[in-house]
N, C-alpha and C. Protein backbone atom coordinates (compact mmCIF):
# COMPACT_ATOMS: atom_id res chain seq x y z
N MET A 1 -8.99 -23.45 -8.07
CA MET A 1 -8.65 -23.07 -9.43
C MET A 1 -7.49 -23.90 -9.92
N THR A 2 -7.37 -24.03 -11.23
CA THR A 2 -6.26 -24.77 -11.78
C THR A 2 -4.98 -23.97 -11.69
N ALA A 3 -3.86 -24.69 -11.56
CA ALA A 3 -2.56 -24.02 -11.49
C ALA A 3 -1.93 -23.88 -12.86
N ASN A 4 -2.65 -24.27 -13.90
CA ASN A 4 -2.11 -24.19 -15.24
C ASN A 4 -2.71 -23.01 -15.98
N ALA A 5 -1.86 -22.09 -16.38
CA ALA A 5 -2.33 -20.88 -17.06
C ALA A 5 -2.53 -21.14 -18.54
N PRO A 6 -3.60 -20.59 -19.13
CA PRO A 6 -3.75 -20.64 -20.59
C PRO A 6 -2.60 -19.89 -21.24
N SER A 7 -2.19 -20.37 -22.41
CA SER A 7 -1.07 -19.71 -23.07
C SER A 7 -1.51 -18.38 -23.65
N SER A 8 -0.55 -17.44 -23.72
CA SER A 8 -0.83 -16.10 -24.24
C SER A 8 0.42 -15.58 -24.89
N SER A 9 0.29 -14.91 -26.00
CA SER A 9 1.46 -14.39 -26.70
C SER A 9 2.19 -13.36 -25.89
N SER A 10 1.50 -12.66 -24.98
CA SER A 10 2.14 -11.61 -24.19
C SER A 10 2.73 -12.14 -22.91
N GLY A 11 2.31 -13.35 -22.48
CA GLY A 11 2.81 -13.90 -21.24
C GLY A 11 2.03 -13.44 -20.03
N SER A 12 1.10 -12.52 -20.17
CA SER A 12 0.31 -12.01 -19.06
C SER A 12 -1.16 -12.08 -19.41
N PRO A 13 -2.01 -12.43 -18.42
CA PRO A 13 -3.45 -12.40 -18.69
C PRO A 13 -3.90 -11.00 -19.02
N PRO A 14 -4.81 -10.81 -19.97
CA PRO A 14 -5.32 -9.48 -20.27
C PRO A 14 -6.21 -9.00 -19.15
N GLY A 15 -6.46 -7.69 -19.13
CA GLY A 15 -7.19 -7.12 -18.02
C GLY A 15 -6.29 -7.01 -16.82
N ALA A 16 -5.01 -7.31 -17.04
CA ALA A 16 -4.02 -7.30 -15.99
C ALA A 16 -2.70 -6.93 -16.61
N SER A 17 -1.75 -6.57 -15.80
CA SER A 17 -0.46 -6.18 -16.33
C SER A 17 0.64 -6.53 -15.36
N GLY A 18 1.80 -6.91 -15.90
CA GLY A 18 2.94 -7.15 -15.05
C GLY A 18 3.66 -5.88 -14.70
N SER A 19 3.33 -4.77 -15.39
CA SER A 19 4.05 -3.53 -15.13
C SER A 19 3.13 -2.34 -14.93
N GLY A 20 1.82 -2.57 -14.92
CA GLY A 20 0.89 -1.49 -14.64
C GLY A 20 0.17 -0.94 -15.86
N GLY A 21 0.68 -1.20 -17.09
CA GLY A 21 0.03 -0.67 -18.27
C GLY A 21 -1.10 -1.57 -18.72
N SER A 22 -1.96 -1.08 -19.58
CA SER A 22 -3.06 -1.87 -20.10
C SER A 22 -2.78 -2.24 -21.54
N GLY A 23 -3.11 -3.47 -21.89
CA GLY A 23 -2.84 -3.94 -23.23
C GLY A 23 -3.95 -3.58 -24.19
N GLY A 24 -3.70 -3.70 -25.47
CA GLY A 24 -4.70 -3.40 -26.47
C GLY A 24 -5.02 -4.65 -27.27
N GLY A 25 -5.97 -4.54 -28.18
CA GLY A 25 -6.32 -5.66 -29.02
C GLY A 25 -7.36 -6.57 -28.38
N GLU A 26 -7.85 -7.52 -29.20
CA GLU A 26 -8.87 -8.46 -28.73
C GLU A 26 -8.23 -9.48 -27.81
N VAL A 27 -8.97 -9.87 -26.77
CA VAL A 27 -8.41 -10.79 -25.79
C VAL A 27 -9.24 -12.06 -25.73
N ASP A 28 -8.59 -13.12 -25.34
CA ASP A 28 -9.24 -14.42 -25.19
C ASP A 28 -10.03 -14.44 -23.89
N PRO A 29 -11.33 -14.72 -23.94
CA PRO A 29 -12.14 -14.74 -22.71
C PRO A 29 -11.61 -15.70 -21.66
N ARG A 30 -10.95 -16.77 -22.11
CA ARG A 30 -10.38 -17.72 -21.14
C ARG A 30 -9.28 -17.07 -20.32
N LEU A 31 -8.52 -16.20 -20.96
CA LEU A 31 -7.45 -15.51 -20.24
C LEU A 31 -8.01 -14.48 -19.27
N VAL A 32 -9.10 -13.83 -19.66
CA VAL A 32 -9.74 -12.88 -18.75
C VAL A 32 -10.23 -13.61 -17.51
N GLU A 33 -10.87 -14.76 -17.71
CA GLU A 33 -11.35 -15.55 -16.58
C GLU A 33 -10.19 -16.03 -15.72
N PHE A 34 -9.11 -16.44 -16.37
CA PHE A 34 -7.95 -16.89 -15.61
C PHE A 34 -7.39 -15.76 -14.75
N ALA A 35 -7.32 -14.56 -15.32
CA ALA A 35 -6.82 -13.42 -14.56
C ALA A 35 -7.68 -13.17 -13.33
N HIS A 36 -9.00 -13.23 -13.50
CA HIS A 36 -9.89 -13.03 -12.37
C HIS A 36 -9.65 -14.09 -11.30
N GLN A 37 -9.41 -15.32 -11.72
CA GLN A 37 -9.14 -16.40 -10.78
C GLN A 37 -7.85 -16.15 -10.00
N VAL A 38 -6.84 -15.65 -10.70
CA VAL A 38 -5.56 -15.37 -10.04
C VAL A 38 -5.74 -14.30 -8.96
N PHE A 39 -6.43 -13.24 -9.28
CA PHE A 39 -6.62 -12.17 -8.29
C PHE A 39 -7.47 -12.66 -7.12
N ASP A 40 -8.47 -13.51 -7.39
CA ASP A 40 -9.25 -14.08 -6.30
C ASP A 40 -8.39 -15.00 -5.44
N THR A 41 -7.46 -15.69 -6.05
CA THR A 41 -6.55 -16.55 -5.30
C THR A 41 -5.71 -15.72 -4.33
N ALA A 42 -5.26 -14.55 -4.77
CA ALA A 42 -4.51 -13.66 -3.88
C ALA A 42 -5.40 -13.15 -2.75
N ARG A 43 -6.65 -12.81 -3.07
CA ARG A 43 -7.57 -12.34 -2.03
C ARG A 43 -7.82 -13.43 -0.98
N ARG A 44 -7.85 -14.68 -1.41
CA ARG A 44 -8.08 -15.78 -0.48
C ARG A 44 -6.81 -16.20 0.24
N GLY A 45 -5.67 -15.71 -0.23
CA GLY A 45 -4.41 -16.02 0.44
C GLY A 45 -3.90 -17.42 0.20
N GLU A 46 -4.15 -17.97 -0.97
CA GLU A 46 -3.70 -19.33 -1.27
C GLU A 46 -2.23 -19.29 -1.68
N ALA A 47 -1.38 -19.34 -0.68
CA ALA A 47 0.06 -19.13 -0.89
C ALA A 47 0.67 -20.18 -1.80
N ASN A 48 0.33 -21.45 -1.61
CA ASN A 48 0.92 -22.51 -2.42
C ASN A 48 0.52 -22.39 -3.89
N THR A 49 -0.75 -22.06 -4.13
CA THR A 49 -1.21 -21.90 -5.51
C THR A 49 -0.51 -20.73 -6.19
N LEU A 50 -0.39 -19.62 -5.48
CA LEU A 50 0.30 -18.46 -6.03
C LEU A 50 1.76 -18.78 -6.33
N ALA A 51 2.40 -19.49 -5.40
CA ALA A 51 3.80 -19.87 -5.60
C ALA A 51 3.95 -20.74 -6.84
N ASN A 52 3.04 -21.71 -7.00
CA ASN A 52 3.10 -22.60 -8.17
C ASN A 52 2.89 -21.83 -9.47
N LEU A 53 1.95 -20.90 -9.45
CA LEU A 53 1.68 -20.12 -10.66
C LEU A 53 2.89 -19.28 -11.07
N ILE A 54 3.52 -18.66 -10.10
CA ILE A 54 4.71 -17.85 -10.42
C ILE A 54 5.85 -18.75 -10.89
N ASP A 55 5.99 -19.91 -10.24
CA ASP A 55 7.03 -20.84 -10.66
C ASP A 55 6.81 -21.31 -12.10
N GLN A 56 5.54 -21.29 -12.55
CA GLN A 56 5.22 -21.69 -13.92
C GLN A 56 5.30 -20.53 -14.91
N GLY A 57 5.59 -19.33 -14.41
CA GLY A 57 5.79 -18.20 -15.32
C GLY A 57 4.87 -17.02 -15.14
N LEU A 58 3.94 -17.08 -14.19
CA LEU A 58 3.08 -15.92 -13.96
C LEU A 58 3.91 -14.74 -13.47
N PRO A 59 3.73 -13.54 -14.03
CA PRO A 59 4.49 -12.37 -13.54
C PRO A 59 4.18 -12.10 -12.07
N PRO A 60 5.18 -12.03 -11.20
CA PRO A 60 4.91 -11.82 -9.78
C PRO A 60 4.31 -10.46 -9.46
N ASN A 61 4.51 -9.49 -10.36
CA ASN A 61 3.96 -8.14 -10.14
C ASN A 61 2.70 -7.89 -10.96
N LEU A 62 1.99 -8.96 -11.29
CA LEU A 62 0.74 -8.84 -12.03
C LEU A 62 -0.22 -7.91 -11.28
N ARG A 63 -0.88 -7.03 -12.03
CA ARG A 63 -1.83 -6.08 -11.42
C ARG A 63 -3.17 -6.12 -12.15
N ASN A 64 -4.22 -5.80 -11.42
CA ASN A 64 -5.55 -5.80 -12.02
C ASN A 64 -5.88 -4.44 -12.63
N GLU A 65 -7.13 -4.25 -13.02
CA GLU A 65 -7.51 -3.02 -13.72
C GLU A 65 -7.43 -1.79 -12.83
N LYS A 66 -7.36 -1.98 -11.51
CA LYS A 66 -7.21 -0.86 -10.58
C LYS A 66 -5.76 -0.65 -10.16
N GLY A 67 -4.88 -1.47 -10.73
CA GLY A 67 -3.47 -1.36 -10.38
C GLY A 67 -3.09 -2.11 -9.12
N ASP A 68 -4.03 -2.87 -8.54
CA ASP A 68 -3.72 -3.64 -7.34
C ASP A 68 -2.88 -4.85 -7.71
N SER A 69 -1.73 -4.97 -7.08
CA SER A 69 -0.87 -6.12 -7.31
C SER A 69 -1.35 -7.31 -6.49
N LEU A 70 -0.78 -8.47 -6.77
CA LEU A 70 -1.10 -9.65 -5.98
C LEU A 70 -0.73 -9.44 -4.52
N VAL A 71 0.41 -8.78 -4.29
CA VAL A 71 0.82 -8.48 -2.92
C VAL A 71 -0.18 -7.54 -2.25
N MET A 72 -0.65 -6.54 -2.97
CA MET A 72 -1.64 -5.63 -2.42
C MET A 72 -2.91 -6.38 -2.00
N LEU A 73 -3.40 -7.24 -2.88
CA LEU A 73 -4.63 -7.97 -2.59
C LEU A 73 -4.45 -8.91 -1.40
N ALA A 74 -3.33 -9.62 -1.36
CA ALA A 74 -3.07 -10.52 -0.24
C ALA A 74 -2.91 -9.73 1.06
N SER A 75 -2.26 -8.59 0.99
CA SER A 75 -2.05 -7.76 2.19
C SER A 75 -3.37 -7.20 2.70
N TYR A 76 -4.18 -6.69 1.81
CA TYR A 76 -5.44 -6.04 2.19
C TYR A 76 -6.42 -7.04 2.80
N HIS A 77 -6.27 -8.31 2.42
CA HIS A 77 -7.17 -9.33 2.95
C HIS A 77 -6.54 -10.17 4.06
N GLY A 78 -5.36 -9.76 4.51
CA GLY A 78 -4.80 -10.34 5.73
C GLY A 78 -4.05 -11.63 5.60
N HIS A 79 -3.38 -11.87 4.47
CA HIS A 79 -2.73 -13.16 4.25
C HIS A 79 -1.20 -13.02 4.23
N ALA A 80 -0.60 -13.11 5.39
CA ALA A 80 0.84 -12.91 5.52
C ALA A 80 1.64 -13.97 4.77
N ALA A 81 1.21 -15.23 4.83
CA ALA A 81 1.95 -16.30 4.17
C ALA A 81 1.95 -16.10 2.66
N ALA A 82 0.84 -15.65 2.11
CA ALA A 82 0.78 -15.39 0.67
C ALA A 82 1.68 -14.23 0.29
N VAL A 83 1.70 -13.20 1.13
CA VAL A 83 2.59 -12.06 0.88
C VAL A 83 4.04 -12.53 0.83
N ARG A 84 4.42 -13.35 1.81
CA ARG A 84 5.80 -13.82 1.85
C ARG A 84 6.13 -14.66 0.61
N ALA A 85 5.21 -15.56 0.23
CA ALA A 85 5.45 -16.42 -0.93
C ALA A 85 5.63 -15.59 -2.20
N LEU A 86 4.83 -14.55 -2.34
CA LEU A 86 4.92 -13.69 -3.52
C LEU A 86 6.24 -12.91 -3.56
N VAL A 87 6.60 -12.30 -2.43
CA VAL A 87 7.81 -11.49 -2.40
C VAL A 87 9.05 -12.36 -2.59
N GLN A 88 9.02 -13.56 -2.02
CA GLN A 88 10.15 -14.47 -2.19
C GLN A 88 10.35 -14.86 -3.65
N ARG A 89 9.32 -14.68 -4.46
CA ARG A 89 9.41 -15.02 -5.88
C ARG A 89 9.48 -13.78 -6.77
N GLY A 90 9.86 -12.67 -6.18
CA GLY A 90 10.15 -11.48 -6.98
C GLY A 90 9.12 -10.38 -6.97
N ALA A 91 8.01 -10.55 -6.25
CA ALA A 91 7.01 -9.49 -6.19
C ALA A 91 7.54 -8.30 -5.39
N ASP A 92 7.16 -7.11 -5.81
CA ASP A 92 7.61 -5.87 -5.17
C ASP A 92 6.67 -5.52 -4.01
N PRO A 93 7.18 -5.50 -2.76
CA PRO A 93 6.30 -5.20 -1.62
C PRO A 93 5.90 -3.74 -1.54
N ASN A 94 6.48 -2.89 -2.37
CA ASN A 94 6.17 -1.46 -2.35
C ASN A 94 5.33 -1.00 -3.54
N LEU A 95 4.92 -1.92 -4.39
CA LEU A 95 4.23 -1.54 -5.63
C LEU A 95 2.88 -0.89 -5.31
N ARG A 96 2.70 0.32 -5.81
CA ARG A 96 1.48 1.08 -5.54
C ARG A 96 0.38 0.75 -6.55
N ASN A 97 -0.86 0.96 -6.13
CA ASN A 97 -1.96 0.82 -7.08
C ASN A 97 -2.20 2.15 -7.79
N ASP A 98 -3.24 2.22 -8.58
CA ASP A 98 -3.48 3.43 -9.37
C ASP A 98 -3.81 4.65 -8.52
N ASN A 99 -4.20 4.44 -7.28
CA ASN A 99 -4.46 5.55 -6.36
C ASN A 99 -3.24 5.92 -5.53
N GLY A 100 -2.10 5.27 -5.82
CA GLY A 100 -0.88 5.57 -5.10
C GLY A 100 -0.78 4.91 -3.74
N GLN A 101 -1.67 3.94 -3.47
CA GLN A 101 -1.67 3.28 -2.17
C GLN A 101 -0.71 2.10 -2.16
N THR A 102 -0.07 1.86 -1.03
CA THR A 102 0.89 0.78 -0.88
C THR A 102 0.29 -0.38 -0.10
N PRO A 103 0.86 -1.59 -0.26
CA PRO A 103 0.38 -2.73 0.52
C PRO A 103 0.44 -2.50 2.03
N ILE A 104 1.50 -1.87 2.53
CA ILE A 104 1.61 -1.67 3.97
C ILE A 104 0.54 -0.71 4.47
N ALA A 105 0.18 0.27 3.66
CA ALA A 105 -0.90 1.18 4.04
C ALA A 105 -2.24 0.45 4.07
N GLY A 106 -2.45 -0.45 3.10
CA GLY A 106 -3.67 -1.25 3.09
C GLY A 106 -3.78 -2.13 4.31
N ALA A 107 -2.67 -2.75 4.69
CA ALA A 107 -2.67 -3.61 5.87
C ALA A 107 -2.88 -2.81 7.15
N ALA A 108 -2.33 -1.59 7.19
CA ALA A 108 -2.54 -0.72 8.35
C ALA A 108 -4.00 -0.31 8.46
N PHE A 109 -4.62 -0.03 7.33
CA PHE A 109 -6.04 0.34 7.30
C PHE A 109 -6.91 -0.80 7.82
N LYS A 110 -6.58 -2.04 7.42
CA LYS A 110 -7.39 -3.18 7.82
C LYS A 110 -7.00 -3.72 9.20
N GLY A 111 -5.81 -3.36 9.69
CA GLY A 111 -5.41 -3.79 11.03
C GLY A 111 -4.68 -5.12 11.09
N PHE A 112 -3.97 -5.49 10.04
CA PHE A 112 -3.29 -6.78 9.99
C PHE A 112 -1.82 -6.64 10.41
N THR A 113 -1.57 -6.79 11.70
CA THR A 113 -0.22 -6.62 12.23
C THR A 113 0.75 -7.64 11.64
N ASP A 114 0.31 -8.90 11.49
CA ASP A 114 1.20 -9.93 10.98
C ASP A 114 1.59 -9.66 9.53
N VAL A 115 0.67 -9.11 8.76
CA VAL A 115 0.99 -8.77 7.37
C VAL A 115 2.01 -7.64 7.32
N ILE A 116 1.84 -6.65 8.18
CA ILE A 116 2.79 -5.54 8.22
C ILE A 116 4.17 -6.03 8.61
N THR A 117 4.24 -6.91 9.60
CA THR A 117 5.52 -7.49 10.00
C THR A 117 6.17 -8.21 8.83
N THR A 118 5.39 -9.00 8.11
CA THR A 118 5.91 -9.73 6.95
C THR A 118 6.40 -8.78 5.87
N LEU A 119 5.61 -7.76 5.56
CA LEU A 119 6.02 -6.79 4.55
C LEU A 119 7.33 -6.11 4.93
N LEU A 120 7.45 -5.71 6.18
CA LEU A 120 8.68 -5.06 6.63
C LEU A 120 9.86 -6.01 6.57
N ASP A 121 9.64 -7.26 6.97
CA ASP A 121 10.71 -8.26 6.90
C ASP A 121 11.14 -8.51 5.46
N CYS A 122 10.22 -8.28 4.52
CA CYS A 122 10.49 -8.50 3.10
C CYS A 122 10.96 -7.24 2.37
N GLY A 123 11.22 -6.18 3.11
CA GLY A 123 11.80 -4.99 2.50
C GLY A 123 10.86 -3.85 2.18
N ALA A 124 9.63 -3.90 2.67
CA ALA A 124 8.69 -2.80 2.41
C ALA A 124 9.15 -1.53 3.12
N ASP A 125 8.86 -0.39 2.50
CA ASP A 125 9.14 0.91 3.10
C ASP A 125 8.21 1.11 4.29
N VAL A 126 8.77 1.38 5.46
CA VAL A 126 7.97 1.50 6.67
C VAL A 126 7.01 2.69 6.61
N GLU A 127 7.32 3.70 5.83
CA GLU A 127 6.43 4.86 5.73
C GLU A 127 5.22 4.53 4.85
N GLY A 128 5.45 3.94 3.69
CA GLY A 128 4.36 3.56 2.80
C GLY A 128 3.44 4.72 2.46
N ALA A 129 4.01 5.89 2.26
CA ALA A 129 3.20 7.10 2.08
C ALA A 129 2.48 7.13 0.74
N SER A 130 1.26 7.66 0.76
CA SER A 130 0.48 7.87 -0.46
C SER A 130 0.88 9.21 -1.07
N PRO A 131 0.41 9.53 -2.27
CA PRO A 131 0.79 10.80 -2.90
C PRO A 131 0.48 12.03 -2.05
N ASP A 132 -0.53 11.95 -1.18
CA ASP A 132 -0.85 13.09 -0.33
C ASP A 132 -0.03 13.11 0.96
N GLY A 133 0.94 12.20 1.05
CA GLY A 133 1.84 12.19 2.19
C GLY A 133 1.35 11.41 3.39
N ARG A 134 0.19 10.81 3.30
CA ARG A 134 -0.34 10.05 4.43
C ARG A 134 0.40 8.73 4.55
N THR A 135 0.99 8.49 5.70
CA THR A 135 1.80 7.30 5.93
C THR A 135 0.99 6.18 6.57
N ALA A 136 1.60 4.99 6.58
CA ALA A 136 0.96 3.85 7.25
C ALA A 136 0.76 4.15 8.73
N LEU A 137 1.73 4.86 9.33
CA LEU A 137 1.61 5.22 10.74
C LEU A 137 0.40 6.12 10.97
N MET A 138 0.20 7.08 10.10
CA MET A 138 -0.97 7.96 10.23
C MET A 138 -2.27 7.18 10.15
N ILE A 139 -2.32 6.23 9.23
CA ILE A 139 -3.54 5.42 9.07
C ILE A 139 -3.79 4.60 10.32
N ALA A 140 -2.74 3.95 10.83
CA ALA A 140 -2.89 3.15 12.06
C ALA A 140 -3.32 4.03 13.22
N ALA A 141 -2.76 5.23 13.29
CA ALA A 141 -3.11 6.16 14.38
C ALA A 141 -4.57 6.57 14.30
N MET A 142 -5.05 6.84 13.10
CA MET A 142 -6.44 7.26 12.91
C MET A 142 -7.44 6.24 13.43
N PHE A 143 -7.10 4.96 13.26
CA PHE A 143 -8.03 3.90 13.63
C PHE A 143 -7.68 3.26 14.98
N ASN A 144 -6.86 3.97 15.76
CA ASN A 144 -6.56 3.58 17.14
C ASN A 144 -5.91 2.20 17.23
N ARG A 145 -5.07 1.86 16.27
CA ARG A 145 -4.42 0.56 16.25
C ARG A 145 -3.06 0.68 16.95
N THR A 146 -3.08 0.55 18.27
CA THR A 146 -1.86 0.77 19.05
C THR A 146 -0.77 -0.24 18.74
N ASP A 147 -1.16 -1.50 18.49
CA ASP A 147 -0.15 -2.51 18.20
C ASP A 147 0.60 -2.18 16.92
N ILE A 148 -0.11 -1.68 15.93
CA ILE A 148 0.54 -1.34 14.66
C ILE A 148 1.36 -0.06 14.81
N VAL A 149 0.85 0.91 15.55
CA VAL A 149 1.63 2.12 15.82
C VAL A 149 2.94 1.76 16.50
N ASP A 150 2.87 0.91 17.52
CA ASP A 150 4.09 0.49 18.23
C ASP A 150 5.05 -0.22 17.29
N LEU A 151 4.52 -1.12 16.46
CA LEU A 151 5.36 -1.87 15.53
C LEU A 151 6.05 -0.94 14.54
N LEU A 152 5.29 -0.06 13.92
CA LEU A 152 5.86 0.83 12.90
C LEU A 152 6.93 1.74 13.49
N ILE A 153 6.67 2.28 14.67
CA ILE A 153 7.67 3.15 15.30
C ILE A 153 8.92 2.34 15.65
N ALA A 154 8.73 1.13 16.16
CA ALA A 154 9.87 0.28 16.50
C ALA A 154 10.70 -0.06 15.26
N ARG A 155 10.04 -0.10 14.09
CA ARG A 155 10.74 -0.44 12.85
C ARG A 155 11.20 0.80 12.09
N GLY A 156 11.09 1.97 12.71
CA GLY A 156 11.70 3.16 12.12
C GLY A 156 10.77 4.18 11.51
N ALA A 157 9.46 4.03 11.66
CA ALA A 157 8.54 5.02 11.10
C ALA A 157 8.76 6.39 11.73
N ASN A 158 8.62 7.42 10.93
CA ASN A 158 8.85 8.79 11.38
C ASN A 158 7.55 9.38 11.92
N ALA A 159 7.45 9.48 13.24
CA ALA A 159 6.24 10.02 13.86
C ALA A 159 6.06 11.50 13.58
N ALA A 160 7.12 12.18 13.19
CA ALA A 160 7.05 13.62 12.92
C ALA A 160 6.66 13.93 11.48
N ALA A 161 6.55 12.90 10.63
CA ALA A 161 6.20 13.13 9.23
C ALA A 161 4.82 13.78 9.13
N ARG A 162 4.65 14.62 8.11
CA ARG A 162 3.38 15.31 7.90
C ARG A 162 2.86 15.05 6.49
N ASP A 163 1.56 15.02 6.37
CA ASP A 163 0.96 14.85 5.06
C ASP A 163 0.86 16.19 4.34
N ALA A 164 0.24 16.20 3.18
CA ALA A 164 0.18 17.42 2.37
C ALA A 164 -0.58 18.54 3.06
N ALA A 165 -1.45 18.20 4.00
CA ALA A 165 -2.21 19.21 4.74
C ALA A 165 -1.48 19.68 5.99
N GLY A 166 -0.29 19.12 6.21
CA GLY A 166 0.50 19.52 7.38
C GLY A 166 0.19 18.76 8.64
N ASN A 167 -0.56 17.66 8.53
CA ASN A 167 -0.94 16.89 9.71
C ASN A 167 0.03 15.76 9.98
N SER A 168 0.32 15.54 11.25
CA SER A 168 1.16 14.43 11.68
C SER A 168 0.28 13.25 12.08
N ALA A 169 0.91 12.12 12.44
CA ALA A 169 0.15 10.97 12.93
C ALA A 169 -0.61 11.32 14.20
N LEU A 170 0.00 12.12 15.07
CA LEU A 170 -0.68 12.55 16.29
C LEU A 170 -1.90 13.39 15.96
N ASP A 171 -1.77 14.30 15.01
CA ASP A 171 -2.91 15.11 14.58
C ASP A 171 -4.03 14.22 14.06
N ALA A 172 -3.66 13.20 13.27
CA ALA A 172 -4.65 12.29 12.70
C ALA A 172 -5.39 11.54 13.80
N ALA A 173 -4.64 11.07 14.80
CA ALA A 173 -5.26 10.35 15.91
C ALA A 173 -6.23 11.25 16.67
N ARG A 174 -5.81 12.46 16.95
CA ARG A 174 -6.67 13.39 17.69
C ARG A 174 -7.92 13.74 16.90
N ALA A 175 -7.76 13.93 15.60
CA ALA A 175 -8.90 14.30 14.77
C ALA A 175 -9.96 13.21 14.74
N MET A 176 -9.51 11.95 14.86
CA MET A 176 -10.43 10.82 14.82
C MET A 176 -10.89 10.38 16.21
N GLY A 177 -10.41 11.07 17.24
CA GLY A 177 -10.77 10.68 18.60
C GLY A 177 -10.14 9.37 19.03
N ALA A 178 -8.99 9.05 18.45
CA ALA A 178 -8.29 7.80 18.77
C ALA A 178 -7.38 8.04 19.98
N ALA A 179 -7.96 7.90 21.16
CA ALA A 179 -7.27 8.30 22.38
C ALA A 179 -6.02 7.48 22.67
N ASP A 180 -6.07 6.18 22.41
CA ASP A 180 -4.94 5.32 22.77
C ASP A 180 -3.71 5.62 21.91
N THR A 181 -3.91 5.72 20.60
CA THR A 181 -2.77 6.00 19.74
C THR A 181 -2.29 7.44 19.93
N ALA A 182 -3.21 8.35 20.22
CA ALA A 182 -2.80 9.74 20.49
C ALA A 182 -1.90 9.78 21.72
N GLU A 183 -2.24 9.01 22.74
CA GLU A 183 -1.41 8.99 23.94
C GLU A 183 -0.04 8.41 23.64
N ARG A 184 -0.01 7.33 22.83
CA ARG A 184 1.26 6.73 22.45
C ARG A 184 2.13 7.74 21.71
N LEU A 185 1.54 8.38 20.73
CA LEU A 185 2.29 9.28 19.87
C LEU A 185 2.71 10.55 20.57
N ALA A 186 1.94 10.99 21.56
CA ALA A 186 2.29 12.20 22.29
C ALA A 186 3.60 12.03 23.04
N GLY A 187 3.95 10.79 23.34
CA GLY A 187 5.19 10.53 24.06
C GLY A 187 6.40 10.32 23.17
N THR A 188 6.22 10.41 21.85
CA THR A 188 7.35 10.23 20.94
C THR A 188 7.99 11.56 20.62
N SER A 189 9.18 11.49 20.05
CA SER A 189 9.87 12.72 19.66
C SER A 189 9.08 13.45 18.58
N GLY A 190 8.39 12.69 17.72
CA GLY A 190 7.57 13.32 16.69
C GLY A 190 6.35 13.98 17.29
N GLY A 191 5.78 13.37 18.33
CA GLY A 191 4.60 13.93 18.95
C GLY A 191 4.87 15.23 19.66
N ALA A 192 6.07 15.37 20.17
CA ALA A 192 6.41 16.58 20.92
C ALA A 192 6.31 17.83 20.06
N GLY A 193 6.53 17.68 18.75
CA GLY A 193 6.50 18.85 17.88
C GLY A 193 5.27 18.94 17.02
N ALA A 194 4.30 18.03 17.26
CA ALA A 194 3.11 18.02 16.42
C ALA A 194 2.20 19.18 16.76
N SER A 195 1.55 19.70 15.72
CA SER A 195 0.60 20.78 15.95
C SER A 195 -0.64 20.23 16.63
N ASP A 196 -1.22 20.99 17.50
CA ASP A 196 -2.40 20.56 18.23
C ASP A 196 -3.64 21.08 17.52
N LYS A 197 -4.28 20.24 16.72
CA LYS A 197 -5.43 20.65 15.93
C LYS A 197 -6.67 20.86 16.79
N SER A 198 -6.62 20.31 18.03
CA SER A 198 -7.79 20.45 18.89
C SER A 198 -7.77 21.73 19.69
N ALA A 199 -6.68 22.49 19.62
CA ALA A 199 -6.56 23.72 20.40
C ALA A 199 -7.42 24.82 19.80
């Protein structure tokens, strides 16, 4: 894709927002296409292209119609270098999408340890909780991702945290039959006080 953005009176491609809101009025189809290209660039993890676009004035916190930021898209698709390039240019590593999901939670769901490390190094909240209280640690535990569970706990994640239903990361692991992460979490201070849903 080209690194030159079509000009726009608002400074942001339509169908997208630098702050999460949606614009009104008629839009230039070229700008819509450009916005789609930018989001695809984040999905592909083209760090240099993203860096150049932001250096030319693209809002670093640009979001699509679902509220997914460039950092969210790069994180969800496993591109640590793109995440770093975006955050170094002002992108918010904690920016939630319209469902309240965070980039670190998306990376935990997909199993991208390197992306999580990068997000944490760039200031992301280690909990990354969604509106229902489900943390990145809970998500990693559910899918038996021991490396991510170990990383998050080492970086300060609260193993005793509970979601809106009262479940801890240990409860989530047990409910999903994730034996390895359940064993890890059972040995933590948070695991010692977790309710046993299997009893």
